[in-house]
Amino acid sequence: TECARKTGIRTDIIRGEDGYLALQLKQFGKIAFVRKRRARAVTGYGTVGADGTLFNSFKVRVVSRLKGIGGLFTQKKEYKDEESNLVKKK
């Protein structure tokens, strides 16, 4: 948590704050993927029902991942925020 406080935890984005934090923590050393069955991620359930039915939600996600499959084969030097991912300021 001390290293996370040094890099800063982003609260201005809707999705990806955990991945962004992981990228920032790489400067302090290696990060590891926890593979234990008893490990649980803390997440919300609000995104599952956003697209209607469970099947439609699955379909929307499959199509969006297939469109972005080219990103698996390229390396980004800089990550830019998309307008749709920023928290709207009131």
N, C-alpha and C. Protein backbone atom coordinates (compact mmCIF):
# COMPACT_ATOMS: atom_id res chain seq x y z
N THR A 1 0.81 -1.20 0.00
CA THR A 1 0.00 0.00 0.00
C THR A 1 0.86 1.27 0.00
N GLU A 2 2.05 1.20 0.56
CA GLU A 2 2.91 2.38 0.57
C GLU A 2 3.34 2.74 -0.85
N CYS A 3 3.68 1.75 -1.65
CA CYS A 3 4.06 2.00 -3.04
C CYS A 3 2.88 2.53 -3.84
N ALA A 4 1.70 2.02 -3.56
CA ALA A 4 0.51 2.50 -4.26
C ALA A 4 0.23 3.96 -3.92
N ARG A 5 0.48 4.33 -2.70
CA ARG A 5 0.29 5.74 -2.30
C ARG A 5 1.29 6.65 -2.99
N LYS A 6 2.50 6.13 -3.22
CA LYS A 6 3.52 6.93 -3.91
C LYS A 6 3.12 7.19 -5.36
N THR A 7 2.60 6.18 -6.03
CA THR A 7 2.23 6.34 -7.44
C THR A 7 0.90 7.05 -7.60
N GLY A 8 0.02 6.89 -6.64
CA GLY A 8 -1.30 7.52 -6.72
C GLY A 8 -2.33 6.57 -7.29
N ILE A 9 -3.48 6.53 -6.66
CA ILE A 9 -4.58 5.69 -7.12
C ILE A 9 -5.54 6.58 -7.88
N ARG A 10 -5.80 6.24 -9.14
CA ARG A 10 -6.65 7.08 -9.98
C ARG A 10 -8.12 6.91 -9.62
N THR A 11 -8.77 8.01 -9.41
CA THR A 11 -10.21 8.00 -9.14
C THR A 11 -10.98 8.75 -10.21
N ASP A 12 -10.28 9.19 -11.26
CA ASP A 12 -10.94 9.95 -12.31
C ASP A 12 -11.35 9.10 -13.50
N ILE A 13 -11.15 7.78 -13.43
CA ILE A 13 -11.54 6.90 -14.53
C ILE A 13 -12.57 5.89 -14.04
N ILE A 14 -13.39 5.42 -14.97
CA ILE A 14 -14.47 4.49 -14.63
C ILE A 14 -13.96 3.05 -14.60
N ARG A 15 -13.22 2.66 -15.63
CA ARG A 15 -12.71 1.29 -15.74
C ARG A 15 -11.19 1.32 -15.81
N GLY A 16 -10.56 0.28 -15.30
CA GLY A 16 -9.13 0.09 -15.48
C GLY A 16 -8.23 0.67 -14.42
N GLU A 17 -8.78 1.12 -13.31
CA GLU A 17 -7.92 1.71 -12.29
C GLU A 17 -6.99 0.68 -11.66
N ASP A 18 -7.42 -0.58 -11.58
CA ASP A 18 -6.55 -1.61 -11.01
C ASP A 18 -5.42 -1.96 -11.97
N GLY A 19 -5.70 -2.02 -13.25
CA GLY A 19 -4.65 -2.29 -14.23
C GLY A 19 -3.65 -1.15 -14.32
N TYR A 20 -4.16 0.07 -14.24
CA TYR A 20 -3.28 1.23 -14.25
C TYR A 20 -2.35 1.20 -13.03
N LEU A 21 -2.91 0.86 -11.88
CA LEU A 21 -2.10 0.77 -10.67
C LEU A 21 -1.04 -0.32 -10.81
N ALA A 22 -1.40 -1.44 -11.42
CA ALA A 22 -0.43 -2.52 -11.63
C ALA A 22 0.72 -2.06 -12.53
N LEU A 23 0.40 -1.32 -13.59
CA LEU A 23 1.45 -0.81 -14.46
C LEU A 23 2.37 0.16 -13.71
N GLN A 24 1.81 0.99 -12.86
CA GLN A 24 2.61 1.94 -12.10
C GLN A 24 3.48 1.24 -11.05
N LEU A 25 2.99 0.13 -10.50
CA LEU A 25 3.75 -0.58 -9.46
C LEU A 25 4.93 -1.36 -10.03
N LYS A 26 4.96 -1.55 -11.35
CA LYS A 26 6.07 -2.28 -11.95
C LYS A 26 7.41 -1.58 -11.75
N GLN A 27 7.37 -0.28 -11.53
CA GLN A 27 8.62 0.45 -11.32
C GLN A 27 9.27 0.11 -9.97
N PHE A 28 8.52 -0.48 -9.05
CA PHE A 28 9.04 -0.86 -7.74
C PHE A 28 9.50 -2.31 -7.69
N GLY A 29 9.27 -3.06 -8.75
CA GLY A 29 9.66 -4.46 -8.79
C GLY A 29 8.66 -5.27 -9.58
N LYS A 30 8.75 -6.57 -9.46
CA LYS A 30 7.86 -7.46 -10.20
C LYS A 30 6.49 -7.51 -9.54
N ILE A 31 5.46 -7.65 -10.37
CA ILE A 31 4.12 -7.90 -9.85
C ILE A 31 3.76 -9.33 -10.23
N ALA A 32 2.99 -9.98 -9.41
CA ALA A 32 2.68 -11.39 -9.62
C ALA A 32 1.18 -11.60 -9.73
N PHE A 33 0.79 -12.54 -10.56
CA PHE A 33 -0.60 -12.92 -10.71
C PHE A 33 -0.90 -13.96 -9.63
N VAL A 34 -1.92 -13.73 -8.83
CA VAL A 34 -2.28 -14.65 -7.74
C VAL A 34 -3.15 -15.75 -8.32
N ARG A 35 -2.67 -16.99 -8.23
CA ARG A 35 -3.37 -18.11 -8.84
C ARG A 35 -4.07 -19.02 -7.82
N LYS A 36 -4.10 -18.62 -6.59
CA LYS A 36 -4.72 -19.47 -5.57
C LYS A 36 -6.23 -19.49 -5.74
N ARG A 37 -6.81 -20.63 -5.55
CA ARG A 37 -8.26 -20.78 -5.71
C ARG A 37 -9.03 -20.00 -4.66
N ARG A 38 -8.43 -19.81 -3.51
CA ARG A 38 -9.13 -19.11 -2.42
C ARG A 38 -9.06 -17.59 -2.56
N ALA A 39 -8.23 -17.09 -3.47
CA ALA A 39 -8.13 -15.64 -3.67
C ALA A 39 -9.38 -15.14 -4.37
N ARG A 40 -9.89 -14.02 -3.93
CA ARG A 40 -11.11 -13.45 -4.51
C ARG A 40 -10.87 -12.00 -4.89
N ALA A 41 -11.36 -11.61 -6.03
CA ALA A 41 -11.28 -10.22 -6.46
C ALA A 41 -12.49 -9.46 -5.94
N VAL A 42 -12.29 -8.25 -5.55
CA VAL A 42 -13.39 -7.40 -5.10
C VAL A 42 -13.84 -6.59 -6.30
N THR A 43 -15.08 -6.78 -6.69
CA THR A 43 -15.59 -6.11 -7.89
C THR A 43 -17.07 -5.81 -7.71
N GLY A 44 -17.65 -5.16 -8.67
CA GLY A 44 -19.07 -4.83 -8.62
C GLY A 44 -19.85 -5.66 -9.62
N TYR A 45 -21.15 -5.69 -9.45
CA TYR A 45 -21.99 -6.46 -10.35
C TYR A 45 -22.80 -5.57 -11.29
N GLY A 46 -22.56 -4.29 -11.28
CA GLY A 46 -23.36 -3.35 -12.06
C GLY A 46 -23.18 -3.48 -13.56
N THR A 47 -22.07 -4.04 -14.02
CA THR A 47 -21.83 -4.10 -15.46
C THR A 47 -22.52 -5.28 -16.12
N VAL A 48 -22.87 -6.31 -15.37
CA VAL A 48 -23.49 -7.49 -15.97
C VAL A 48 -24.87 -7.17 -16.52
N GLY A 49 -25.67 -6.43 -15.78
CA GLY A 49 -27.03 -6.14 -16.22
C GLY A 49 -27.14 -4.91 -17.10
N ALA A 50 -26.03 -4.26 -17.42
CA ALA A 50 -26.08 -3.01 -18.18
C ALA A 50 -26.53 -3.23 -19.62
N ASP A 51 -26.29 -4.40 -20.18
CA ASP A 51 -26.61 -4.66 -21.59
C ASP A 51 -27.90 -5.46 -21.75
N GLY A 52 -28.68 -5.57 -20.73
CA GLY A 52 -29.93 -6.33 -20.82
C GLY A 52 -29.76 -7.73 -20.28
N THR A 53 -30.00 -8.72 -21.13
CA THR A 53 -29.92 -10.11 -20.69
C THR A 53 -28.47 -10.55 -20.54
N LEU A 54 -28.27 -11.66 -19.87
CA LEU A 54 -26.93 -12.20 -19.69
C LEU A 54 -26.33 -12.59 -21.04
N PHE A 55 -27.14 -13.18 -21.92
CA PHE A 55 -26.65 -13.57 -23.24
C PHE A 55 -26.24 -12.34 -24.05
N ASN A 56 -27.05 -11.29 -24.01
CA ASN A 56 -26.72 -10.08 -24.75
C ASN A 56 -25.45 -9.44 -24.20
N SER A 57 -25.28 -9.46 -22.90
CA SER A 57 -24.08 -8.94 -22.27
C SER A 57 -22.85 -9.72 -22.74
N PHE A 58 -22.99 -11.04 -22.80
CA PHE A 58 -21.91 -11.89 -23.29
C PHE A 58 -21.58 -11.57 -24.75
N LYS A 59 -22.62 -11.40 -25.56
CA LYS A 59 -22.44 -11.12 -26.99
C LYS A 59 -21.73 -9.78 -27.20
N VAL A 60 -22.13 -8.76 -26.45
CA VAL A 60 -21.51 -7.44 -26.57
C VAL A 60 -20.02 -7.52 -26.21
N ARG A 61 -19.70 -8.27 -25.18
CA ARG A 61 -18.30 -8.39 -24.77
C ARG A 61 -17.47 -9.17 -25.78
N VAL A 62 -18.02 -10.23 -26.34
CA VAL A 62 -17.28 -11.02 -27.33
C VAL A 62 -16.98 -10.16 -28.56
N VAL A 63 -17.97 -9.44 -29.04
CA VAL A 63 -17.78 -8.60 -30.23
C VAL A 63 -16.74 -7.52 -29.97
N SER A 64 -16.80 -6.88 -28.81
CA SER A 64 -15.84 -5.81 -28.53
C SER A 64 -14.42 -6.36 -28.39
N ARG A 65 -14.26 -7.55 -27.82
CA ARG A 65 -12.92 -8.15 -27.69
C ARG A 65 -12.37 -8.58 -29.04
N LEU A 66 -13.24 -9.07 -29.92
CA LEU A 66 -12.78 -9.46 -31.25
C LEU A 66 -12.33 -8.24 -32.06
N LYS A 67 -13.00 -7.12 -31.87
CA LYS A 67 -12.60 -5.89 -32.57
C LYS A 67 -11.24 -5.40 -32.08
N GLY A 68 -10.92 -5.63 -30.82
CA GLY A 68 -9.66 -5.14 -30.27
C GLY A 68 -8.57 -6.18 -30.21
N ILE A 69 -8.71 -7.27 -30.94
CA ILE A 69 -7.72 -8.36 -30.86
C ILE A 69 -6.35 -7.95 -31.39
N GLY A 70 -6.30 -6.96 -32.26
CA GLY A 70 -5.02 -6.50 -32.78
C GLY A 70 -4.13 -5.90 -31.70
N GLY A 71 -4.73 -5.41 -30.62
CA GLY A 71 -3.96 -4.84 -29.52
C GLY A 71 -3.10 -5.86 -28.79
N LEU A 72 -3.40 -7.14 -28.97
CA LEU A 72 -2.59 -8.18 -28.33
C LEU A 72 -1.21 -8.30 -28.97
N PHE A 73 -1.09 -7.84 -30.22
CA PHE A 73 0.14 -8.03 -30.96
C PHE A 73 0.96 -6.76 -31.11
N THR A 74 0.54 -5.69 -30.46
CA THR A 74 1.29 -4.44 -30.50
C THR A 74 1.60 -3.99 -29.08
N GLN A 75 2.63 -3.20 -28.95
CA GLN A 75 3.02 -2.71 -27.63
C GLN A 75 2.84 -1.19 -27.60
N LYS A 76 2.19 -0.70 -26.56
CA LYS A 76 1.96 0.73 -26.43
C LYS A 76 3.06 1.35 -25.59
N LYS A 77 3.50 2.51 -26.01
CA LYS A 77 4.49 3.25 -25.23
C LYS A 77 3.81 4.16 -24.22
N GLU A 78 2.60 4.62 -24.56
CA GLU A 78 1.88 5.54 -23.70
C GLU A 78 0.40 5.18 -23.73
N TYR A 79 -0.23 5.22 -22.58
CA TYR A 79 -1.65 4.91 -22.48
C TYR A 79 -2.43 6.21 -22.35
N LYS A 80 -3.37 6.42 -23.27
CA LYS A 80 -4.18 7.64 -23.26
C LYS A 80 -5.58 7.30 -22.81
N ASP A 81 -6.16 8.18 -22.03
CA ASP A 81 -7.52 7.98 -21.54
C ASP A 81 -8.52 8.26 -22.65
N GLU A 82 -9.54 7.41 -22.74
CA GLU A 82 -10.63 7.65 -23.67
C GLU A 82 -11.69 8.48 -22.96
N GLU A 83 -12.36 9.32 -23.71
CA GLU A 83 -13.38 10.20 -23.13
C GLU A 83 -14.48 9.41 -22.44
N SER A 84 -14.81 8.23 -22.99
CA SER A 84 -15.89 7.43 -22.41
C SER A 84 -15.52 6.81 -21.07
N ASN A 85 -14.23 6.82 -20.73
CA ASN A 85 -13.78 6.20 -19.49
C ASN A 85 -13.54 7.21 -18.37
N LEU A 86 -13.67 8.48 -18.66
CA LEU A 86 -13.43 9.50 -17.65
C LEU A 86 -14.69 9.78 -16.85
N VAL A 87 -14.51 10.03 -15.57
CA VAL A 87 -15.63 10.38 -14.70
C VAL A 87 -16.07 11.80 -15.05
N LYS A 88 -17.36 11.98 -15.24
CA LYS A 88 -17.91 13.29 -15.61
C LYS A 88 -17.83 14.23 -14.41
N LYS A 89 -17.26 15.40 -14.62
CA LYS A 89 -17.17 16.39 -13.54
C LYS A 89 -18.47 17.18 -13.49
N LYS A 90 -18.94 17.42 -12.29
CA LYS A 90 -20.22 18.12 -12.11
C LYS A 90 -20.03 19.60 -11.98
